[in-house]
Amino acid sequence: MLRNGGVESPSPRPRIHQTHPHDTPVFQSTVSQRNLRRFNYTILIFRLTSFCFSLSAAVFMFTINTTAASDSPRWYNFGAFRFIVAANAIVAFYSLFEIVASAWEIYRGFTLFPECSQVWFDFGHDQVFAYLLLSAGSAGTELVRQLREVATCTDNNAFCIQSDIALALGYACFLSLLISSLLSGFRVVCFIIKGSRFLL
């Protein structure tokens, strides 16, 4: 405010309103806002696919031979299969959280956490959980290969078929999470270069 003879006059500089207390002010054109929304919807789609694939893989592995005879092999008898169930369950919970975070960003226009924390949180966890799924899938694939060399798959073919389905779903989740990691990595690069999660 400027004083002119004791009378206050409005400042010629307009005030910039921030949409998030932790964000720096950024002017966005209509086209930039539309591109940002489209980008966020793309991330949301891959979060949804990651959740569906990981949950399905955990359920398929968890329900192997639930109605079979008591002497049939169970998934919890094998460490690699327990690893697959645990890894996919963890990724399912993480993907569900990221779905909420993405929906929040689309609806409210700013991130759930402070922007700097959000972009690094997404990228770091995408990397960790992608490698976790890949490790679980590799261990499960090797175990199934060993089971096919013995009489396990011959005596109980449904056990190995359902294991193969769970492994395939786990690998599909890995690919979806890998793409999400690339998208979140792009947001990190944009934040480092421009100070914003998207090149405006």
N, C-alpha and C. Protein backbone atom coordinates (compact mmCIF):
# COMPACT_ATOMS: atom_id res chain seq x y z
N MET A 1 0.85 -1.19 0.00
CA MET A 1 0.00 0.00 0.00
C MET A 1 0.88 1.24 0.00
N LEU A 2 0.50 2.27 -0.77
CA LEU A 2 1.24 3.52 -0.85
C LEU A 2 0.45 4.62 -0.16
N ARG A 3 1.16 5.47 0.55
CA ARG A 3 0.50 6.58 1.23
C ARG A 3 0.71 7.86 0.41
N ASN A 4 -0.36 8.59 0.18
CA ASN A 4 -0.30 9.83 -0.60
C ASN A 4 -1.08 10.90 0.17
N GLY A 5 -0.36 11.72 0.89
CA GLY A 5 -1.01 12.74 1.69
C GLY A 5 -1.85 12.16 2.80
N GLY A 6 -1.38 11.03 3.36
CA GLY A 6 -2.11 10.42 4.46
C GLY A 6 -3.22 9.49 4.01
N VAL A 7 -3.44 9.39 2.68
CA VAL A 7 -4.48 8.52 2.15
C VAL A 7 -3.83 7.31 1.50
N GLU A 8 -4.30 6.13 1.86
CA GLU A 8 -3.73 4.90 1.30
C GLU A 8 -4.31 4.64 -0.08
N SER A 9 -3.44 4.31 -1.00
CA SER A 9 -3.86 3.93 -2.35
C SER A 9 -3.40 2.51 -2.62
N PRO A 10 -4.14 1.75 -3.42
CA PRO A 10 -3.77 0.35 -3.68
C PRO A 10 -2.45 0.23 -4.41
N SER A 11 -1.71 -0.83 -4.08
CA SER A 11 -0.41 -1.08 -4.71
C SER A 11 -0.62 -1.45 -6.17
N PRO A 12 0.24 -0.95 -7.08
CA PRO A 12 0.10 -1.31 -8.50
C PRO A 12 0.46 -2.76 -8.79
N ARG A 13 1.11 -3.45 -7.84
CA ARG A 13 1.50 -4.84 -8.04
C ARG A 13 0.39 -5.76 -7.57
N PRO A 14 -0.15 -6.60 -8.44
CA PRO A 14 -1.23 -7.50 -8.03
C PRO A 14 -0.70 -8.58 -7.10
N ARG A 15 -1.55 -9.01 -6.20
CA ARG A 15 -1.17 -10.09 -5.30
C ARG A 15 -1.30 -11.44 -6.00
N ILE A 16 -0.40 -12.32 -5.67
CA ILE A 16 -0.40 -13.67 -6.25
C ILE A 16 -0.93 -14.63 -5.20
N HIS A 17 -2.00 -15.30 -5.51
CA HIS A 17 -2.59 -16.24 -4.57
C HIS A 17 -2.02 -17.62 -4.80
N GLN A 18 -1.61 -18.28 -3.73
CA GLN A 18 -1.05 -19.62 -3.82
C GLN A 18 -2.15 -20.64 -3.59
N THR A 19 -2.12 -21.70 -4.35
CA THR A 19 -3.11 -22.78 -4.20
C THR A 19 -2.68 -23.77 -3.15
N HIS A 20 -1.45 -23.76 -2.73
CA HIS A 20 -0.95 -24.68 -1.71
C HIS A 20 0.06 -23.93 -0.85
N PRO A 21 0.01 -24.04 0.44
CA PRO A 21 0.92 -23.26 1.28
C PRO A 21 2.38 -23.61 1.09
N HIS A 22 2.66 -24.80 0.52
CA HIS A 22 4.06 -25.21 0.36
C HIS A 22 4.58 -24.97 -1.06
N ASP A 23 3.70 -24.55 -1.96
CA ASP A 23 4.09 -24.39 -3.36
C ASP A 23 4.50 -22.96 -3.65
N THR A 24 5.38 -22.80 -4.62
CA THR A 24 5.73 -21.48 -5.10
C THR A 24 4.72 -21.05 -6.14
N PRO A 25 4.41 -19.75 -6.26
CA PRO A 25 3.41 -19.30 -7.22
C PRO A 25 3.85 -19.58 -8.65
N VAL A 26 2.96 -20.15 -9.44
CA VAL A 26 3.24 -20.45 -10.84
C VAL A 26 2.02 -20.06 -11.66
N PHE A 27 2.23 -19.26 -12.71
CA PHE A 27 1.15 -18.89 -13.60
C PHE A 27 0.95 -20.00 -14.63
N GLN A 28 -0.32 -20.41 -14.80
CA GLN A 28 -0.63 -21.50 -15.71
C GLN A 28 -1.63 -21.02 -16.76
N SER A 29 -1.33 -21.30 -18.01
CA SER A 29 -2.27 -21.02 -19.06
C SER A 29 -3.32 -22.12 -19.11
N THR A 30 -4.39 -21.88 -19.87
CA THR A 30 -5.45 -22.88 -20.00
C THR A 30 -4.91 -24.15 -20.64
N VAL A 31 -4.05 -23.99 -21.63
CA VAL A 31 -3.48 -25.16 -22.31
C VAL A 31 -2.60 -25.95 -21.34
N SER A 32 -1.80 -25.26 -20.54
CA SER A 32 -0.93 -25.94 -19.58
C SER A 32 -1.75 -26.69 -18.54
N GLN A 33 -2.82 -26.09 -18.06
CA GLN A 33 -3.69 -26.76 -17.10
C GLN A 33 -4.33 -28.00 -17.70
N ARG A 34 -4.71 -27.91 -18.96
CA ARG A 34 -5.30 -29.07 -19.63
C ARG A 34 -4.28 -30.19 -19.80
N ASN A 35 -3.05 -29.83 -20.16
CA ASN A 35 -2.00 -30.84 -20.30
C ASN A 35 -1.65 -31.48 -18.97
N LEU A 36 -1.61 -30.66 -17.91
CA LEU A 36 -1.31 -31.20 -16.59
C LEU A 36 -2.40 -32.16 -16.13
N ARG A 37 -3.65 -31.80 -16.37
CA ARG A 37 -4.76 -32.69 -16.01
C ARG A 37 -4.71 -33.99 -16.79
N ARG A 38 -4.38 -33.91 -18.08
CA ARG A 38 -4.27 -35.12 -18.90
C ARG A 38 -3.13 -36.00 -18.40
N PHE A 39 -2.03 -35.38 -18.03
CA PHE A 39 -0.89 -36.13 -17.49
C PHE A 39 -1.26 -36.82 -16.18
N ASN A 40 -1.98 -36.12 -15.32
CA ASN A 40 -2.40 -36.70 -14.04
C ASN A 40 -3.38 -37.85 -14.25
N TYR A 41 -4.24 -37.74 -15.23
CA TYR A 41 -5.16 -38.83 -15.54
C TYR A 41 -4.40 -40.06 -16.04
N THR A 42 -3.33 -39.83 -16.80
CA THR A 42 -2.52 -40.96 -17.28
C THR A 42 -1.86 -41.68 -16.11
N ILE A 43 -1.33 -40.91 -15.17
CA ILE A 43 -0.74 -41.53 -13.98
C ILE A 43 -1.79 -42.31 -13.20
N LEU A 44 -2.98 -41.74 -13.07
CA LEU A 44 -4.05 -42.41 -12.33
C LEU A 44 -4.42 -43.74 -12.97
N ILE A 45 -4.45 -43.79 -14.29
CA ILE A 45 -4.79 -45.04 -14.99
C ILE A 45 -3.77 -46.13 -14.66
N PHE A 46 -2.49 -45.79 -14.70
CA PHE A 46 -1.47 -46.79 -14.41
C PHE A 46 -1.46 -47.17 -12.93
N ARG A 47 -1.85 -46.24 -12.04
CA ARG A 47 -2.00 -46.60 -10.63
C ARG A 47 -3.13 -47.61 -10.46
N LEU A 48 -4.20 -47.42 -11.18
CA LEU A 48 -5.33 -48.35 -11.11
C LEU A 48 -4.95 -49.72 -11.64
N THR A 49 -4.23 -49.77 -12.75
CA THR A 49 -3.83 -51.06 -13.31
C THR A 49 -2.84 -51.77 -12.38
N SER A 50 -1.95 -51.02 -11.75
CA SER A 50 -1.02 -51.62 -10.79
C SER A 50 -1.79 -52.24 -9.62
N PHE A 51 -2.77 -51.53 -9.13
CA PHE A 51 -3.57 -52.04 -8.02
C PHE A 51 -4.31 -53.31 -8.41
N CYS A 52 -4.94 -53.30 -9.58
CA CYS A 52 -5.72 -54.47 -10.02
C CYS A 52 -4.82 -55.68 -10.24
N PHE A 53 -3.68 -55.50 -10.89
CA PHE A 53 -2.78 -56.62 -11.16
C PHE A 53 -2.18 -57.18 -9.87
N SER A 54 -1.73 -56.30 -8.97
CA SER A 54 -1.10 -56.77 -7.74
C SER A 54 -2.11 -57.47 -6.84
N LEU A 55 -3.30 -56.93 -6.73
CA LEU A 55 -4.33 -57.56 -5.90
C LEU A 55 -4.72 -58.91 -6.48
N SER A 56 -4.87 -58.97 -7.79
CA SER A 56 -5.24 -60.24 -8.44
C SER A 56 -4.15 -61.29 -8.26
N ALA A 57 -2.89 -60.88 -8.39
CA ALA A 57 -1.78 -61.83 -8.21
C ALA A 57 -1.75 -62.39 -6.80
N ALA A 58 -1.95 -61.52 -5.81
CA ALA A 58 -1.95 -61.98 -4.42
C ALA A 58 -3.13 -62.92 -4.16
N VAL A 59 -4.30 -62.59 -4.70
CA VAL A 59 -5.49 -63.44 -4.49
C VAL A 59 -5.31 -64.79 -5.18
N PHE A 60 -4.80 -64.79 -6.40
CA PHE A 60 -4.60 -66.06 -7.12
C PHE A 60 -3.63 -66.95 -6.37
N MET A 61 -2.54 -66.39 -5.88
CA MET A 61 -1.56 -67.19 -5.15
C MET A 61 -2.13 -67.63 -3.80
N PHE A 62 -2.89 -66.78 -3.16
CA PHE A 62 -3.43 -67.08 -1.84
C PHE A 62 -4.47 -68.19 -1.89
N THR A 63 -5.18 -68.30 -3.01
CA THR A 63 -6.27 -69.28 -3.12
C THR A 63 -5.85 -70.57 -3.82
N ILE A 64 -4.57 -70.80 -4.02
CA ILE A 64 -4.12 -72.02 -4.66
C ILE A 64 -4.47 -73.22 -3.79
N ASN A 65 -5.18 -74.18 -4.39
CA ASN A 65 -5.49 -75.45 -3.73
C ASN A 65 -6.20 -75.29 -2.39
N THR A 66 -7.10 -74.32 -2.30
CA THR A 66 -7.84 -74.16 -1.05
C THR A 66 -8.85 -75.28 -0.82
N THR A 67 -9.25 -75.95 -1.93
CA THR A 67 -10.22 -77.05 -1.81
C THR A 67 -9.59 -78.40 -2.11
N ALA A 68 -8.27 -78.45 -2.21
CA ALA A 68 -7.61 -79.71 -2.55
C ALA A 68 -7.43 -80.57 -1.30
N ALA A 69 -6.95 -81.77 -1.53
CA ALA A 69 -6.73 -82.69 -0.42
C ALA A 69 -5.67 -82.15 0.52
N SER A 70 -5.66 -82.66 1.73
CA SER A 70 -4.74 -82.15 2.76
C SER A 70 -3.29 -82.44 2.44
N ASP A 71 -3.04 -83.49 1.64
CA ASP A 71 -1.66 -83.83 1.32
C ASP A 71 -1.13 -83.08 0.10
N SER A 72 -1.97 -82.23 -0.52
CA SER A 72 -1.53 -81.46 -1.68
C SER A 72 -0.64 -80.31 -1.24
N PRO A 73 0.29 -79.86 -2.11
CA PRO A 73 1.17 -78.75 -1.73
C PRO A 73 0.39 -77.45 -1.58
N ARG A 74 0.82 -76.62 -0.67
CA ARG A 74 0.20 -75.32 -0.43
C ARG A 74 1.21 -74.23 -0.73
N TRP A 75 0.69 -73.06 -1.06
CA TRP A 75 1.58 -71.97 -1.43
C TRP A 75 2.48 -71.56 -0.28
N TYR A 76 1.97 -71.64 0.96
CA TYR A 76 2.77 -71.21 2.11
C TYR A 76 3.86 -72.21 2.49
N ASN A 77 3.88 -73.35 1.79
CA ASN A 77 4.98 -74.30 2.01
C ASN A 77 6.25 -73.89 1.28
N PHE A 78 6.16 -72.88 0.42
CA PHE A 78 7.29 -72.45 -0.41
C PHE A 78 7.60 -70.98 -0.11
N GLY A 79 8.86 -70.72 0.21
CA GLY A 79 9.27 -69.36 0.54
C GLY A 79 9.07 -68.38 -0.60
N ALA A 80 9.32 -68.81 -1.83
CA ALA A 80 9.18 -67.91 -2.98
C ALA A 80 7.72 -67.49 -3.16
N PHE A 81 6.79 -68.40 -2.94
CA PHE A 81 5.38 -68.07 -3.08
C PHE A 81 4.91 -67.14 -1.94
N ARG A 82 5.44 -67.34 -0.75
CA ARG A 82 5.12 -66.41 0.34
C ARG A 82 5.65 -65.01 0.01
N PHE A 83 6.82 -64.97 -0.61
CA PHE A 83 7.41 -63.70 -1.03
C PHE A 83 6.50 -63.01 -2.06
N ILE A 84 5.95 -63.77 -2.99
CA ILE A 84 5.07 -63.21 -4.02
C ILE A 84 3.81 -62.62 -3.40
N VAL A 85 3.20 -63.36 -2.48
CA VAL A 85 1.99 -62.87 -1.82
C VAL A 85 2.27 -61.58 -1.06
N ALA A 86 3.36 -61.58 -0.30
CA ALA A 86 3.70 -60.39 0.50
C ALA A 86 4.02 -59.19 -0.39
N ALA A 87 4.81 -59.41 -1.44
CA ALA A 87 5.20 -58.30 -2.32
C ALA A 87 4.00 -57.70 -3.03
N ASN A 88 3.13 -58.54 -3.56
CA ASN A 88 1.95 -58.03 -4.27
C ASN A 88 0.96 -57.37 -3.33
N ALA A 89 0.85 -57.89 -2.10
CA ALA A 89 -0.04 -57.25 -1.13
C ALA A 89 0.47 -55.86 -0.76
N ILE A 90 1.79 -55.73 -0.57
CA ILE A 90 2.37 -54.43 -0.25
C ILE A 90 2.15 -53.44 -1.39
N VAL A 91 2.39 -53.90 -2.62
CA VAL A 91 2.21 -53.02 -3.78
C VAL A 91 0.75 -52.64 -3.96
N ALA A 92 -0.17 -53.56 -3.63
CA ALA A 92 -1.59 -53.24 -3.74
C ALA A 92 -1.97 -52.11 -2.78
N PHE A 93 -1.47 -52.17 -1.54
CA PHE A 93 -1.75 -51.10 -0.58
C PHE A 93 -1.10 -49.79 -1.02
N TYR A 94 0.13 -49.87 -1.54
CA TYR A 94 0.80 -48.66 -2.01
C TYR A 94 0.05 -48.05 -3.20
N SER A 95 -0.37 -48.89 -4.13
CA SER A 95 -1.10 -48.40 -5.31
C SER A 95 -2.42 -47.77 -4.91
N LEU A 96 -3.08 -48.34 -3.92
CA LEU A 96 -4.33 -47.76 -3.44
C LEU A 96 -4.10 -46.37 -2.86
N PHE A 97 -3.01 -46.21 -2.11
CA PHE A 97 -2.67 -44.89 -1.58
C PHE A 97 -2.39 -43.91 -2.72
N GLU A 98 -1.66 -44.35 -3.74
CA GLU A 98 -1.33 -43.47 -4.86
C GLU A 98 -2.57 -43.12 -5.68
N ILE A 99 -3.54 -44.02 -5.74
CA ILE A 99 -4.80 -43.70 -6.41
C ILE A 99 -5.49 -42.54 -5.70
N VAL A 100 -5.53 -42.62 -4.37
CA VAL A 100 -6.12 -41.53 -3.58
C VAL A 100 -5.35 -40.23 -3.80
N ALA A 101 -4.01 -40.31 -3.79
CA ALA A 101 -3.19 -39.11 -3.98
C ALA A 101 -3.40 -38.50 -5.37
N SER A 102 -3.49 -39.35 -6.39
CA SER A 102 -3.71 -38.85 -7.76
C SER A 102 -5.10 -38.23 -7.91
N ALA A 103 -6.10 -38.88 -7.33
CA ALA A 103 -7.46 -38.34 -7.39
C ALA A 103 -7.54 -37.00 -6.66
N TRP A 104 -6.85 -36.92 -5.52
CA TRP A 104 -6.80 -35.66 -4.77
C TRP A 104 -6.18 -34.55 -5.61
N GLU A 105 -5.08 -34.87 -6.30
CA GLU A 105 -4.40 -33.85 -7.11
C GLU A 105 -5.27 -33.40 -8.28
N ILE A 106 -5.98 -34.33 -8.89
CA ILE A 106 -6.86 -33.97 -10.01
C ILE A 106 -8.02 -33.11 -9.52
N TYR A 107 -8.60 -33.47 -8.38
CA TYR A 107 -9.79 -32.78 -7.89
C TYR A 107 -9.45 -31.43 -7.26
N ARG A 108 -8.37 -31.39 -6.45
CA ARG A 108 -8.04 -30.16 -5.72
C ARG A 108 -7.06 -29.26 -6.45
N GLY A 109 -6.28 -29.82 -7.36
CA GLY A 109 -5.35 -29.00 -8.13
C GLY A 109 -3.97 -28.89 -7.52
N PHE A 110 -3.73 -29.51 -6.36
CA PHE A 110 -2.39 -29.52 -5.76
C PHE A 110 -2.16 -30.87 -5.11
N THR A 111 -0.90 -31.15 -4.76
CA THR A 111 -0.53 -32.47 -4.28
C THR A 111 -0.96 -32.69 -2.84
N LEU A 112 -1.06 -33.98 -2.47
CA LEU A 112 -1.46 -34.35 -1.12
C LEU A 112 -0.41 -33.92 -0.10
N PHE A 113 0.86 -34.16 -0.42
CA PHE A 113 1.98 -33.70 0.38
C PHE A 113 2.53 -32.42 -0.25
N PRO A 114 3.44 -31.71 0.43
CA PRO A 114 4.15 -30.62 -0.25
C PRO A 114 4.78 -31.12 -1.55
N GLU A 115 4.77 -30.28 -2.55
CA GLU A 115 5.11 -30.72 -3.90
C GLU A 115 6.47 -31.40 -3.98
N CYS A 116 7.48 -30.82 -3.33
CA CYS A 116 8.82 -31.41 -3.36
C CYS A 116 8.81 -32.81 -2.75
N SER A 117 8.13 -32.96 -1.62
CA SER A 117 8.06 -34.26 -0.96
C SER A 117 7.27 -35.26 -1.80
N GLN A 118 6.20 -34.79 -2.44
CA GLN A 118 5.33 -35.69 -3.21
C GLN A 118 6.05 -36.29 -4.41
N VAL A 119 6.76 -35.46 -5.17
CA VAL A 119 7.40 -35.98 -6.39
C VAL A 119 8.51 -36.97 -6.05
N TRP A 120 9.27 -36.68 -4.99
CA TRP A 120 10.33 -37.61 -4.59
C TRP A 120 9.75 -38.86 -3.93
N PHE A 121 8.69 -38.72 -3.16
CA PHE A 121 8.03 -39.86 -2.54
C PHE A 121 7.53 -40.83 -3.61
N ASP A 122 6.85 -40.31 -4.62
CA ASP A 122 6.31 -41.16 -5.69
C ASP A 122 7.42 -41.87 -6.45
N PHE A 123 8.43 -41.11 -6.85
CA PHE A 123 9.50 -41.70 -7.65
C PHE A 123 10.28 -42.74 -6.86
N GLY A 124 10.63 -42.42 -5.63
CA GLY A 124 11.41 -43.36 -4.81
C GLY A 124 10.66 -44.65 -4.53
N HIS A 125 9.40 -44.55 -4.15
CA HIS A 125 8.63 -45.75 -3.84
C HIS A 125 8.30 -46.55 -5.09
N ASP A 126 8.09 -45.88 -6.21
CA ASP A 126 7.88 -46.62 -7.47
C ASP A 126 9.09 -47.48 -7.79
N GLN A 127 10.27 -46.92 -7.61
CA GLN A 127 11.50 -47.66 -7.88
C GLN A 127 11.64 -48.86 -6.94
N VAL A 128 11.46 -48.63 -5.65
CA VAL A 128 11.63 -49.69 -4.65
C VAL A 128 10.65 -50.83 -4.89
N PHE A 129 9.38 -50.51 -5.09
CA PHE A 129 8.38 -51.56 -5.22
C PHE A 129 8.44 -52.25 -6.58
N ALA A 130 8.92 -51.56 -7.61
CA ALA A 130 9.12 -52.22 -8.90
C ALA A 130 10.19 -53.30 -8.78
N TYR A 131 11.31 -52.96 -8.12
CA TYR A 131 12.36 -53.96 -7.91
C TYR A 131 11.89 -55.07 -6.98
N LEU A 132 11.05 -54.75 -6.02
CA LEU A 132 10.50 -55.78 -5.12
C LEU A 132 9.67 -56.79 -5.91
N LEU A 133 8.81 -56.29 -6.80
CA LEU A 133 8.00 -57.19 -7.62
C LEU A 133 8.86 -58.02 -8.56
N LEU A 134 9.88 -57.41 -9.14
CA LEU A 134 10.76 -58.13 -10.05
C LEU A 134 11.49 -59.25 -9.31
N SER A 135 11.95 -58.97 -8.10
CA SER A 135 12.64 -59.99 -7.30
C SER A 135 11.70 -61.13 -6.95
N ALA A 136 10.47 -60.79 -6.55
CA ALA A 136 9.49 -61.83 -6.21
C ALA A 136 9.13 -62.67 -7.43
N GLY A 137 8.95 -62.02 -8.56
CA GLY A 137 8.64 -62.76 -9.78
C GLY A 137 9.76 -63.68 -10.22
N SER A 138 10.99 -63.21 -10.10
CA SER A 138 12.14 -64.04 -10.47
C SER A 138 12.25 -65.27 -9.57
N ALA A 139 12.05 -65.05 -8.25
CA ALA A 139 12.11 -66.18 -7.31
C ALA A 139 10.99 -67.18 -7.59
N GLY A 140 9.79 -66.68 -7.87
CA GLY A 140 8.67 -67.56 -8.17
C GLY A 140 8.85 -68.32 -9.47
N THR A 141 9.40 -67.67 -10.48
CA THR A 141 9.63 -68.32 -11.77
C THR A 141 10.62 -69.47 -11.63
N GLU A 142 11.67 -69.25 -10.87
CA GLU A 142 12.66 -70.31 -10.66
C GLU A 142 12.05 -71.47 -9.88
N LEU A 143 11.21 -71.18 -8.90
CA LEU A 143 10.57 -72.25 -8.13
C LEU A 143 9.63 -73.07 -9.00
N VAL A 144 8.84 -72.42 -9.84
CA VAL A 144 7.93 -73.16 -10.73
C VAL A 144 8.72 -74.02 -11.70
N ARG A 145 9.85 -73.51 -12.19
CA ARG A 145 10.68 -74.32 -13.09
C ARG A 145 11.18 -75.57 -12.38
N GLN A 146 11.57 -75.43 -11.11
CA GLN A 146 12.03 -76.59 -10.36
C GLN A 146 10.89 -77.58 -10.09
N LEU A 147 9.69 -77.05 -9.83
CA LEU A 147 8.55 -77.93 -9.57
C LEU A 147 8.16 -78.73 -10.81
N ARG A 148 8.37 -78.14 -11.99
CA ARG A 148 8.04 -78.86 -13.22
C ARG A 148 9.04 -79.97 -13.52
N GLU A 149 10.21 -79.90 -12.92
CA GLU A 149 11.21 -80.95 -13.13
C GLU A 149 10.96 -82.16 -12.25
N VAL A 150 10.12 -81.99 -11.24
CA VAL A 150 9.76 -83.11 -10.37
C VAL A 150 8.29 -83.46 -10.63
N ALA A 151 7.74 -84.30 -9.78
CA ALA A 151 6.39 -84.81 -10.04
C ALA A 151 5.29 -83.89 -9.52
N THR A 152 5.63 -82.74 -8.97
CA THR A 152 4.62 -81.88 -8.36
C THR A 152 3.59 -81.41 -9.37
N CYS A 153 4.05 -80.91 -10.51
CA CYS A 153 3.12 -80.39 -11.51
C CYS A 153 2.40 -81.52 -12.25
N THR A 154 3.00 -82.70 -12.29
CA THR A 154 2.33 -83.84 -12.93
C THR A 154 1.19 -84.35 -12.06
N ASP A 155 1.42 -84.43 -10.76
CA ASP A 155 0.40 -84.92 -9.84
C ASP A 155 -0.69 -83.88 -9.56
N ASN A 156 -0.32 -82.62 -9.59
CA ASN A 156 -1.27 -81.54 -9.30
C ASN A 156 -1.04 -80.41 -10.28
N ASN A 157 -1.57 -80.59 -11.49
CA ASN A 157 -1.32 -79.63 -12.55
C ASN A 157 -1.98 -78.28 -12.26
N ALA A 158 -3.13 -78.29 -11.57
CA ALA A 158 -3.83 -77.04 -11.26
C ALA A 158 -2.98 -76.14 -10.38
N PHE A 159 -2.17 -76.74 -9.51
CA PHE A 159 -1.30 -75.96 -8.63
C PHE A 159 -0.33 -75.13 -9.45
N CYS A 160 0.29 -75.73 -10.44
CA CYS A 160 1.27 -75.01 -11.27
C CYS A 160 0.61 -74.02 -12.21
N ILE A 161 -0.59 -74.37 -12.72
CA ILE A 161 -1.29 -73.46 -13.62
C ILE A 161 -1.66 -72.17 -12.88
N GLN A 162 -2.20 -72.32 -11.67
CA GLN A 162 -2.58 -71.14 -10.91
C GLN A 162 -1.34 -70.35 -10.48
N SER A 163 -0.26 -71.03 -10.23
CA SER A 163 0.99 -70.34 -9.92
C SER A 163 1.47 -69.52 -11.11
N ASP A 164 1.35 -70.10 -12.31
CA ASP A 164 1.75 -69.38 -13.52
C ASP A 164 0.89 -68.13 -13.72
N ILE A 165 -0.41 -68.24 -13.44
CA ILE A 165 -1.30 -67.08 -13.59
C ILE A 165 -0.90 -65.98 -12.61
N ALA A 166 -0.63 -66.37 -11.37
CA ALA A 166 -0.22 -65.38 -10.36
C ALA A 166 1.09 -64.71 -10.76
N LEU A 167 2.03 -65.50 -11.31
CA LEU A 167 3.30 -64.92 -11.75
C LEU A 167 3.09 -63.95 -12.91
N ALA A 168 2.23 -64.31 -13.86
CA ALA A 168 1.96 -63.44 -15.00
C ALA A 168 1.33 -62.13 -14.56
N LEU A 169 0.40 -62.20 -13.61
CA LEU A 169 -0.21 -60.98 -13.09
C LEU A 169 0.82 -60.12 -12.35
N GLY A 170 1.73 -60.77 -11.64
CA GLY A 170 2.78 -60.03 -10.95
C GLY A 170 3.70 -59.30 -11.92
N TYR A 171 4.05 -59.97 -13.02
CA TYR A 171 4.89 -59.32 -14.02
C TYR A 171 4.14 -58.17 -14.71
N ALA A 172 2.84 -58.34 -14.94
CA ALA A 172 2.05 -57.27 -15.53
C ALA A 172 2.01 -56.06 -14.59
N CYS A 173 1.90 -56.32 -13.30
CA CYS A 173 1.94 -55.23 -12.32
C CYS A 173 3.30 -54.55 -12.34
N PHE A 174 4.37 -55.33 -12.49
CA PHE A 174 5.71 -54.74 -12.57
C PHE A 174 5.82 -53.79 -13.75
N LEU A 175 5.31 -54.18 -14.91
CA LEU A 175 5.37 -53.32 -16.09
C LEU A 175 4.57 -52.04 -15.87
N SER A 176 3.40 -52.18 -15.27
CA SER A 176 2.57 -51.00 -14.99
C SER A 176 3.27 -50.06 -14.01
N LEU A 177 3.88 -50.65 -12.98
CA LEU A 177 4.60 -49.83 -12.00
C LEU A 177 5.86 -49.21 -12.60
N LEU A 178 6.47 -49.91 -13.56
CA LEU A 178 7.64 -49.37 -14.24
C LEU A 178 7.28 -48.13 -15.05
N ILE A 179 6.13 -48.17 -15.73
CA ILE A 179 5.67 -47.01 -16.48
C ILE A 179 5.33 -45.86 -15.53
N SER A 180 4.70 -46.20 -14.40
CA SER A 180 4.42 -45.18 -13.40
C SER A 180 5.71 -44.54 -12.88
N SER A 181 6.75 -45.36 -12.74
CA SER A 181 8.04 -44.85 -12.30
C SER A 181 8.63 -43.88 -13.32
N LEU A 182 8.47 -44.17 -14.59
CA LEU A 182 8.95 -43.26 -15.63
C LEU A 182 8.20 -41.93 -15.59
N LEU A 183 6.89 -42.00 -15.37
CA LEU A 183 6.09 -40.78 -15.30
C LEU A 183 6.44 -39.97 -14.05
N SER A 184 6.60 -40.64 -12.92
CA SER A 184 6.98 -39.92 -11.71
C SER A 184 8.40 -39.38 -11.81
N GLY A 185 9.28 -40.10 -12.52
CA GLY A 185 10.62 -39.60 -12.77
C GLY A 185 10.61 -38.34 -13.62
N PHE A 186 9.70 -38.29 -14.59
CA PHE A 186 9.53 -37.08 -15.40
C PHE A 186 9.12 -35.90 -14.53
N ARG A 187 8.25 -36.14 -13.56
CA ARG A 187 7.84 -35.08 -12.65
C ARG A 187 9.01 -34.59 -11.80
N VAL A 188 9.88 -35.51 -11.39
CA VAL A 188 11.06 -35.12 -10.61
C VAL A 188 11.98 -34.23 -11.46
N VAL A 189 12.21 -34.62 -12.70
CA VAL A 189 13.06 -33.82 -13.58
C VAL A 189 12.47 -32.43 -13.80
N CYS A 190 11.16 -32.38 -14.02
CA CYS A 190 10.51 -31.08 -14.19
C CYS A 190 10.66 -30.21 -12.95
N PHE A 191 10.54 -30.85 -11.79
CA PHE A 191 10.65 -30.08 -10.55
C PHE A 191 12.07 -29.55 -10.35
N ILE A 192 13.07 -30.35 -10.73
CA ILE A 192 14.46 -29.90 -10.60
C ILE A 192 14.74 -28.75 -11.56
N ILE A 193 14.20 -28.83 -12.77
CA ILE A 193 14.49 -27.82 -13.79
C ILE A 193 13.69 -26.54 -13.58
N LYS A 194 12.38 -26.72 -13.37
CA LYS A 194 11.47 -25.57 -13.36
C LYS A 194 10.93 -25.21 -11.97
N GLY A 195 11.15 -26.09 -10.99
CA GLY A 195 10.56 -25.83 -9.68
C GLY A 195 9.11 -26.18 -9.60
N SER A 196 8.62 -26.91 -10.61
CA SER A 196 7.22 -27.35 -10.66
C SER A 196 7.20 -28.78 -11.17
N ARG A 197 6.15 -29.54 -10.82
CA ARG A 197 6.08 -30.96 -11.21
C ARG A 197 5.71 -31.17 -12.66
N PHE A 198 5.51 -30.08 -13.39
CA PHE A 198 5.17 -30.20 -14.81
C PHE A 198 5.75 -29.02 -15.54
N LEU A 199 6.24 -29.24 -16.77
CA LEU A 199 6.80 -28.15 -17.56
C LEU A 199 5.69 -27.27 -18.10
N LEU A 200 5.53 -26.12 -17.49
CA LEU A 200 4.43 -25.21 -17.85
C LEU A 200 4.90 -24.15 -18.83
